[in-house]
Amino acid sequence: MNKVLERLAQPDRIISFRVTWADDNNDIHINTGWRVQQSNALGPYKGGLRFHPSVNESVLKFLAFEQCFKNSLTDLPLGGAKGGANFDPKGRTDHEIMRFCQAFMLELYRHIGPQTDVPAGDINVGAREIGYLYGQYKNIKNELGGYITGKDIEFGGSEVRTDATGFGVIYFLEIALKHHDEELCDKRIAISGAGNVATHAAYKAIEKDASVVSMSNSRGTLHVTDGLSADDLDWINENSTSDNVLKAFSKDHDKAQWLSNKKPWQLECDIAAPCATQNELDQDDAKKLMSNGCKFIIEGANMPCTAQAIETFSEASALYIPGKASNVGGVALSGLEMSQNAGFEQRGFAELDKQLHSIMHTIHEKFVHYGKQEDGSINYADGANLAAFQRLASAIVSQGL
């Protein structure tokens, strides 16, 4: 009767624009930028910006729809959006990236603001890019404020923001394992990716005495049978400018093995944590994981498991936790950063980390309620979708047409 799903599935608006910029040789380049403002039923549009050649309107529409559900689960007043450009920052200088960000913001600034739409970072949009985008907005509008999150601490950013998504994945995993009378300690975790989410998930897992047996990139997998240490992760981060730091680590450390053109899902593990990109774990990968003893799968990236892979997990009665639940830590801290900006305050690391853990615990409680099956088990995918949809539907119906 109210056609909630149909209304939610259609974006409120899609903004598409040309981005014209000059490289260091003064050659002109033209890219396309987008902002998909999906729904503001719960609050200002909120979602990341990504710069990558694969970015297009279709991908962003899907991600914006998913973002609405993810943001709903945090209980924060956040709508859903996604944006970016088909710009490839790989091989570009700092000045070229700065000029692109400035050109991108020349159009985006018209459509964002603290009470309208608050973008954040995503693929290839980190603290550097956020700083350039923030500075350009400030120059254009001549005002400060929380119109973009992921900023440096010095000008309104939030402690824990860089760590939040990876930390949140492990917090949720720990809570879910405890609910199933399991412990994270001594569990073998295969992690894919080597970026922000994967690295901080690895740090937190090691802190919790789990054994992180892998990290990966587009060229292969680093396998450490006895598990990486925090010092190992420090080495990887300190040498991240290397052409292939994971392969370099394997050459410099006897305990490590480099598996060229391989994904981590062939390895023996108790837990799989895909933290790289969408659709990275397919049905064949899922079957390998199940045959190698994996019993828990938690998503750190956005939609990294294909539908067929998820079906395989279900058939094997493995515990599968979708990213819309487990990787909300980043957007949760973005919401807390918005709150700090609005109140002209700065909160400490310990306080924000505690709030992050509390948010992940609250989300898990929702899943126990909405995802409980007749046999007493928890279907986390159902719980995520039902809990998020219930809140969104209530808001949409309450606000009329």
Protein backbone atom coordinates (compact mmCIF):
# COMPACT_ATOMS: atom_id res chain seq x y z
CA MET A 1 0.00 0.00 0.00
CA ASN A 2 2.75 2.49 0.91
CA LYS A 3 5.17 1.02 -1.67
CA VAL A 4 8.08 1.54 0.69
CA LEU A 5 10.53 -0.72 -1.15
CA GLU A 6 9.75 0.87 -4.52
CA ARG A 7 10.28 4.33 -3.05
CA LEU A 8 13.48 3.30 -1.32
CA ALA A 9 14.87 1.60 -4.43
CA GLN A 10 14.50 4.74 -6.55
CA PRO A 11 17.17 7.35 -5.67
CA ASP A 12 15.92 10.76 -4.57
CA ARG A 13 18.26 12.18 -7.19
CA ILE A 14 21.34 11.32 -9.25
CA ILE A 15 23.80 14.11 -9.95
CA SER A 16 26.20 13.64 -12.86
CA PHE A 17 28.80 16.20 -13.88
CA ARG A 18 31.92 16.80 -15.94
CA VAL A 19 35.26 17.17 -14.14
CA THR A 20 37.87 19.03 -16.20
CA TRP A 21 41.40 19.28 -14.86
CA ALA A 22 45.01 19.78 -16.01
CA ASP A 23 47.95 17.47 -15.33
CA ASP A 24 51.51 18.58 -14.57
CA ASN A 25 52.20 18.98 -18.30
CA ASN A 26 49.14 21.23 -18.65
CA ASP A 27 47.36 18.58 -20.71
CA ILE A 28 43.60 18.71 -20.19
CA HIS A 29 41.70 15.66 -18.93
CA ILE A 30 37.96 15.11 -18.64
CA ASN A 31 36.32 12.72 -16.20
CA THR A 32 32.77 12.17 -14.99
CA GLY A 33 31.68 12.65 -11.40
CA TRP A 34 28.53 11.39 -9.70
CA ARG A 35 26.63 11.71 -6.46
CA VAL A 36 23.72 9.33 -5.91
CA GLN A 37 21.52 10.67 -3.11
CA GLN A 38 19.44 7.60 -2.39
CA SER A 39 17.35 8.44 0.68
CA ASN A 40 17.31 11.05 3.44
CA ALA A 41 14.44 9.48 5.35
CA LEU A 42 16.63 9.00 8.43
CA GLY A 43 18.92 12.03 8.14
CA PRO A 44 21.38 13.81 5.83
CA TYR A 45 22.67 11.73 2.93
CA LYS A 46 25.82 9.89 4.03
CA GLY A 47 28.21 7.74 2.05
CA GLY A 48 31.68 7.61 0.59
CA LEU A 49 33.34 8.94 -2.52
CA ARG A 50 35.53 6.63 -4.59
CA PHE A 51 37.97 7.48 -7.38
CA HIS A 52 38.54 4.50 -9.67
CA PRO A 53 38.26 3.74 -13.42
CA SER A 54 35.51 1.19 -12.67
CA VAL A 55 33.20 3.80 -11.13
CA ASN A 56 29.96 4.34 -13.03
CA GLU A 57 26.39 5.30 -12.29
CA SER A 58 25.14 1.71 -12.04
CA VAL A 59 27.74 0.72 -9.44
CA LEU A 60 27.06 3.83 -7.37
CA LYS A 61 23.29 3.29 -7.44
CA PHE A 62 23.73 -0.21 -6.04
CA LEU A 63 26.18 0.97 -3.37
CA ALA A 64 23.94 3.90 -2.38
CA PHE A 65 20.97 1.56 -1.91
CA GLU A 66 23.10 -0.73 0.26
CA GLN A 67 24.40 2.29 2.21
CA CYS A 68 20.86 3.16 3.31
CA PHE A 69 20.53 -0.20 5.06
CA LYS A 70 24.00 -0.05 6.55
CA ASN A 71 23.48 3.45 7.96
CA SER A 72 20.09 2.48 9.33
CA LEU A 73 21.68 -0.21 11.49
CA THR A 74 23.85 2.29 13.37
CA ASP A 75 20.76 3.96 14.94
CA LEU A 76 22.37 7.30 14.01
CA PRO A 77 20.37 9.90 12.01
CA LEU A 78 22.02 9.15 8.67
CA GLY A 79 20.55 8.80 5.20
CA GLY A 80 22.23 6.90 2.37
CA ALA A 81 24.31 8.07 -0.60
CA LYS A 82 27.38 7.20 -2.66
CA GLY A 83 29.53 9.08 -5.14
CA GLY A 84 32.83 9.40 -6.91
CA ALA A 85 34.45 9.65 -10.31
CA ASN A 86 35.99 7.44 -12.99
CA PHE A 87 39.36 9.08 -12.25
CA ASP A 88 42.38 6.82 -11.78
CA PRO A 89 44.79 8.32 -9.21
CA LYS A 90 47.35 5.56 -9.81
CA GLY A 91 50.60 7.09 -11.04
CA ARG A 92 49.39 10.66 -10.53
CA THR A 93 51.39 13.21 -8.55
CA ASP A 94 50.12 14.92 -5.41
CA HIS A 95 49.58 18.12 -7.38
CA GLU A 96 47.56 16.32 -10.04
CA ILE A 97 45.38 14.65 -7.41
CA MET A 98 44.92 18.01 -5.68
CA ARG A 99 43.82 19.65 -8.95
CA PHE A 100 41.40 16.83 -9.68
CA CYS A 101 39.88 17.05 -6.18
CA GLN A 102 39.50 20.81 -6.54
CA ALA A 103 37.82 20.44 -9.94
CA PHE A 104 35.53 17.72 -8.56
CA MET A 105 34.46 19.93 -5.66
CA LEU A 106 33.67 22.84 -8.01
CA GLU A 107 30.43 21.01 -8.81
CA LEU A 108 29.89 18.79 -5.78
CA TYR A 109 29.80 21.74 -3.35
CA ARG A 110 26.38 22.76 -4.72
CA HIS A 111 24.81 19.54 -3.49
CA ILE A 112 26.32 18.90 -0.04
CA GLY A 113 26.27 20.43 3.44
CA PRO A 114 26.02 19.42 7.13
CA GLN A 115 22.22 19.13 7.00
CA THR A 116 21.99 17.94 3.39
CA ASP A 117 24.70 15.48 2.36
CA VAL A 118 27.96 14.64 4.14
CA PRO A 119 30.38 12.62 1.96
CA ALA A 120 33.32 10.63 3.28
CA GLY A 121 36.21 8.66 1.82
CA ASP A 122 36.11 5.31 0.08
CA ILE A 123 38.33 3.55 -2.48
CA ASN A 124 41.32 5.79 -3.34
CA VAL A 125 39.86 8.66 -1.30
CA GLY A 126 41.81 8.88 1.94
CA ALA A 127 42.96 11.63 4.27
CA ARG A 128 44.94 13.39 1.53
CA GLU A 129 42.01 13.56 -0.89
CA ILE A 130 39.56 14.50 1.87
CA GLY A 131 41.88 17.36 2.85
CA TYR A 132 41.96 18.71 -0.72
CA LEU A 133 38.17 18.38 -1.06
CA TYR A 134 37.61 20.04 2.32
CA GLY A 135 39.98 22.91 1.49
CA GLN A 136 38.29 23.60 -1.83
CA TYR A 137 34.81 23.63 -0.28
CA LYS A 138 36.06 26.03 2.39
CA ASN A 139 37.55 28.31 -0.25
CA ILE A 140 34.35 28.35 -2.30
CA LYS A 141 31.84 28.75 0.54
CA ASN A 142 33.99 30.75 3.00
CA GLU A 143 32.69 28.68 5.89
CA LEU A 144 33.79 25.81 8.10
CA GLY A 145 31.69 22.87 9.20
CA GLY A 146 31.03 19.16 9.10
CA TYR A 147 30.20 18.89 5.42
CA ILE A 148 32.69 16.06 4.84
CA THR A 149 34.12 13.42 7.19
CA GLY A 150 37.42 11.61 7.36
CA LYS A 151 39.30 14.86 7.92
CA ASP A 152 42.65 15.14 9.70
CA ILE A 153 42.44 15.57 13.47
CA GLU A 154 43.90 19.08 13.19
CA PHE A 155 40.86 20.48 11.38
CA GLY A 156 37.84 18.66 12.73
CA GLY A 157 38.58 14.99 12.16
CA SER A 158 37.87 12.21 14.61
CA GLU A 159 40.08 9.85 16.56
CA VAL A 160 39.52 6.17 15.63
CA ARG A 161 38.09 7.11 12.21
CA THR A 162 40.98 5.51 10.31
CA ASP A 163 40.81 2.39 12.47
CA ALA A 164 37.03 2.18 12.79
CA THR A 165 35.95 -0.12 9.96
CA GLY A 166 38.62 -2.73 10.60
CA PHE A 167 38.23 -2.52 14.38
CA GLY A 168 34.46 -2.78 14.04
CA VAL A 169 34.74 -5.97 11.99
CA ILE A 170 36.69 -7.66 14.77
CA TYR A 171 34.46 -6.27 17.53
CA PHE A 172 31.39 -7.68 15.79
CA LEU A 173 33.14 -10.99 15.15
CA GLU A 174 34.12 -11.29 18.80
CA ILE A 175 30.56 -10.54 19.95
CA ALA A 176 29.06 -13.04 17.47
CA LEU A 177 31.52 -15.77 18.45
CA LYS A 178 30.76 -15.24 22.14
CA HIS A 179 27.04 -15.54 21.40
CA HIS A 180 27.80 -18.94 19.85
CA ASP A 181 29.99 -20.02 22.79
CA GLU A 182 33.20 -19.56 20.82
CA GLU A 183 36.32 -17.49 21.49
CA LEU A 184 38.36 -15.39 19.07
CA CYS A 185 41.59 -16.33 20.85
CA ASP A 186 43.77 -18.75 18.82
CA LYS A 187 41.40 -18.77 15.84
CA ARG A 188 43.13 -18.70 12.43
CA ILE A 189 41.88 -15.77 10.32
CA ALA A 190 42.46 -15.48 6.58
CA ILE A 191 42.18 -11.79 5.64
CA SER A 192 42.13 -10.50 2.07
CA GLY A 193 43.32 -7.04 1.14
CA ALA A 194 46.13 -4.89 2.50
CA GLY A 195 44.42 -1.53 2.73
CA ASN A 196 42.94 0.38 5.61
CA VAL A 197 40.19 -2.10 6.55
CA ALA A 198 42.33 -5.22 6.23
CA THR A 199 45.26 -3.71 8.12
CA HIS A 200 43.27 -2.47 11.10
CA ALA A 201 41.23 -5.67 11.25
CA ALA A 202 44.54 -7.56 11.37
CA TYR A 203 45.92 -5.31 14.13
CA LYS A 204 42.82 -5.75 16.28
CA ALA A 205 42.63 -9.52 15.66
CA ILE A 206 46.27 -9.91 16.72
CA GLU A 207 45.57 -7.80 19.81
CA LYS A 208 42.77 -10.28 20.62
CA ASP A 209 45.26 -13.19 20.32
CA ALA A 210 43.91 -14.52 17.03
CA SER A 211 46.29 -15.78 14.34
CA VAL A 212 46.19 -13.74 11.12
CA VAL A 213 47.50 -16.12 8.44
CA SER A 214 47.14 -13.95 5.33
CA MET A 215 46.86 -10.59 3.64
CA SER A 216 46.59 -10.07 -0.11
CA ASN A 217 46.59 -7.71 -3.07
CA SER A 218 45.67 -7.91 -6.75
CA ARG A 219 48.88 -9.84 -7.49
CA GLY A 220 48.69 -12.58 -4.90
CA THR A 221 48.56 -13.60 -1.24
CA LEU A 222 51.00 -13.36 1.64
CA HIS A 223 50.72 -16.55 3.70
CA VAL A 224 52.15 -16.81 7.21
CA THR A 225 51.26 -20.18 8.72
CA ASP A 226 52.10 -19.18 12.30
CA GLY A 227 50.40 -15.81 11.96
CA LEU A 228 51.54 -12.23 11.51
CA SER A 229 52.62 -10.14 14.48
CA ALA A 230 51.93 -6.46 15.16
CA ASP A 231 55.60 -5.81 14.35
CA ASP A 232 55.11 -7.52 10.99
CA LEU A 233 52.19 -5.20 10.23
CA ASP A 234 54.32 -2.23 11.25
CA TRP A 235 56.99 -3.36 8.77
CA ILE A 236 54.40 -3.68 6.00
CA ASN A 237 53.02 -0.21 6.73
CA GLU A 238 56.45 1.39 6.91
CA ASN A 239 57.37 -0.09 3.53
CA SER A 240 54.00 0.46 1.87
CA THR A 241 55.52 2.55 -0.93
CA SER A 242 57.24 -0.60 -2.22
CA ASP A 243 55.95 -1.88 -5.57
CA ASN A 244 54.59 -5.00 -3.88
CA VAL A 245 55.13 -4.73 -0.14
CA LEU A 246 53.55 -8.10 0.66
CA LYS A 247 55.87 -9.94 -1.72
CA ALA A 248 58.79 -7.91 -0.36
CA PHE A 249 57.83 -9.01 3.17
CA SER A 250 57.89 -12.67 2.13
CA LYS A 251 61.43 -12.28 0.76
CA ASP A 252 62.62 -10.55 3.93
CA HIS A 253 60.97 -12.94 6.41
CA ASP A 254 61.62 -16.69 6.42
CA LYS A 255 58.29 -17.55 8.00
CA ALA A 256 56.30 -16.02 5.13
CA GLN A 257 55.34 -17.38 1.70
CA TRP A 258 54.22 -15.42 -1.36
CA LEU A 259 51.47 -17.11 -3.42
CA SER A 260 51.49 -15.40 -6.80
CA ASN A 261 48.06 -14.81 -8.40
CA LYS A 262 46.33 -16.67 -5.58
CA LYS A 263 43.55 -15.61 -3.22
CA PRO A 264 43.60 -16.47 0.51
CA TRP A 265 40.56 -18.73 0.30
CA GLN A 266 42.61 -21.84 -0.47
CA LEU A 267 44.28 -21.63 2.96
CA GLU A 268 43.34 -23.59 6.07
CA CYS A 269 41.56 -21.24 8.48
CA ASP A 270 38.77 -21.02 11.02
CA ILE A 271 37.56 -17.59 9.91
CA ALA A 272 37.54 -15.86 6.52
CA ALA A 273 37.45 -12.06 6.45
CA PRO A 274 37.22 -10.70 2.88
CA CYS A 275 38.31 -7.07 3.23
CA ALA A 276 39.41 -6.16 -0.31
CA THR A 277 36.59 -5.44 -2.77
CA GLN A 278 33.15 -6.50 -4.01
CA ASN A 279 32.61 -9.99 -5.49
CA GLU A 280 36.12 -11.16 -4.56
CA LEU A 281 34.94 -14.44 -3.03
CA ASP A 282 32.97 -16.67 -5.42
CA GLN A 283 31.37 -20.10 -5.17
CA ASP A 284 34.58 -22.00 -5.93
CA ASP A 285 36.37 -20.02 -3.23
CA ALA A 286 33.56 -20.75 -0.79
CA LYS A 287 33.80 -24.49 -1.47
CA LYS A 288 37.56 -24.40 -0.85
CA LEU A 289 37.01 -22.59 2.45
CA MET A 290 34.43 -25.12 3.58
CA SER A 291 36.68 -28.07 2.66
CA ASN A 292 39.57 -26.47 4.58
CA GLY A 293 37.63 -26.21 7.82
CA CYS A 294 36.42 -22.59 7.77
CA LYS A 295 33.33 -22.16 9.92
CA PHE A 296 32.92 -18.37 10.13
CA ILE A 297 32.83 -15.73 7.39
CA ILE A 298 32.69 -12.03 8.18
CA GLU A 299 32.71 -9.36 5.48
CA GLY A 300 35.00 -6.36 5.85
CA ALA A 301 34.53 -5.01 2.32
CA ASN A 302 31.25 -4.00 0.68
CA MET A 303 29.55 -7.11 -0.77
CA PRO A 304 32.75 -9.16 -1.22
CA CYS A 305 30.91 -12.51 -1.38
CA THR A 306 28.84 -13.47 -4.41
CA ALA A 307 25.28 -14.76 -3.97
CA GLN A 308 26.46 -18.27 -4.92
CA ALA A 309 29.20 -18.13 -2.28
CA ILE A 310 26.70 -17.10 0.39
CA GLU A 311 24.45 -20.01 -0.64
CA THR A 312 27.41 -22.38 -0.25
CA PHE A 313 28.05 -21.06 3.27
CA SER A 314 24.41 -21.63 4.15
CA GLU A 315 24.41 -25.19 2.82
CA ALA A 316 27.48 -25.93 4.95
CA SER A 317 25.88 -24.32 8.04
CA ALA A 318 28.77 -21.88 8.32
CA LEU A 319 28.19 -18.63 10.19
CA TYR A 320 28.05 -15.81 7.60
CA ILE A 321 28.00 -12.15 8.68
CA PRO A 322 27.24 -9.60 5.92
CA GLY A 323 29.19 -6.36 5.52
CA LYS A 324 26.16 -4.16 6.03
CA ALA A 325 26.46 -5.24 9.66
CA SER A 326 30.12 -5.94 10.26
CA ASN A 327 31.74 -3.03 8.42
CA VAL A 328 29.53 -0.19 9.65
CA GLY A 329 32.28 0.99 11.99
CA GLY A 330 33.53 3.55 9.49
CA VAL A 331 30.18 5.21 8.91
CA ALA A 332 29.40 5.04 12.63
CA LEU A 333 32.55 7.03 13.41
CA SER A 334 31.70 9.40 10.56
CA GLY A 335 28.41 10.05 12.31
CA LEU A 336 30.24 10.69 15.57
CA GLU A 337 32.61 13.04 13.72
CA MET A 338 29.57 14.96 12.44
CA SER A 339 28.34 15.21 16.03
CA GLN A 340 31.70 16.56 17.19
CA ASN A 341 31.80 19.12 14.40
CA ALA A 342 28.28 20.32 15.22
CA GLY A 343 29.20 20.73 18.89
CA PHE A 344 32.67 22.24 18.28
CA GLU A 345 34.24 19.54 20.42
CA GLN A 346 36.93 16.87 20.22
CA ARG A 347 36.55 13.45 21.86
CA GLY A 348 39.41 11.17 22.81
CA PHE A 349 40.40 7.83 21.28
CA ALA A 350 39.30 5.73 24.27
CA GLU A 351 35.85 7.35 24.44
CA LEU A 352 35.18 6.92 20.72
CA ASP A 353 36.53 3.37 20.66
CA LYS A 354 34.15 2.52 23.49
CA GLN A 355 31.25 4.07 21.56
CA LEU A 356 32.21 2.07 18.48
CA HIS A 357 32.17 -1.18 20.45
CA SER A 358 28.79 -0.24 21.92
CA ILE A 359 27.34 0.41 18.47
CA MET A 360 28.55 -2.97 17.18
CA HIS A 361 27.06 -4.66 20.26
CA THR A 362 23.70 -2.95 19.70
CA ILE A 363 23.66 -4.03 16.05
CA HIS A 364 24.33 -7.63 17.09
CA GLU A 365 21.41 -7.54 19.52
CA LYS A 366 19.15 -6.43 16.66
CA PHE A 367 20.28 -9.40 14.60
CA VAL A 368 19.61 -11.83 17.42
CA HIS A 369 16.06 -10.44 17.52
CA TYR A 370 15.31 -10.13 13.79
CA GLY A 371 17.43 -13.03 12.50
CA LYS A 372 16.45 -15.77 14.95
CA GLN A 373 15.32 -18.95 13.18
CA GLU A 374 12.87 -21.61 14.34
CA ASP A 375 15.75 -23.89 15.34
CA GLY A 376 17.25 -21.13 17.49
CA SER A 377 20.11 -20.30 15.10
CA ILE A 378 20.80 -16.75 13.89
CA ASN A 379 20.62 -15.82 10.21
CA TYR A 380 22.69 -12.65 10.22
CA ALA A 381 21.82 -11.74 6.61
CA ASP A 382 18.09 -11.86 7.36
CA GLY A 383 18.60 -10.03 10.63
CA ALA A 384 20.53 -7.24 8.91
CA ASN A 385 17.97 -6.69 6.17
CA LEU A 386 14.92 -6.93 8.42
CA ALA A 387 16.30 -4.64 11.14
CA ALA A 388 17.43 -2.01 8.65
CA PHE A 389 14.25 -2.15 6.56
CA GLN A 390 12.01 -1.86 9.62
CA ARG A 391 13.62 1.42 10.66
CA LEU A 392 13.67 2.82 7.12
CA ALA A 393 10.07 1.81 6.41
CA SER A 394 8.83 3.36 9.64
CA ALA A 395 10.51 6.66 8.81
CA ILE A 396 9.27 6.72 5.21
CA VAL A 397 5.65 5.94 6.12
CA SER A 398 5.67 8.42 9.02
CA GLN A 399 6.80 11.27 6.75
CA GLY A 400 4.03 10.77 4.18
CA LEU A 401 4.45 11.12 0.44
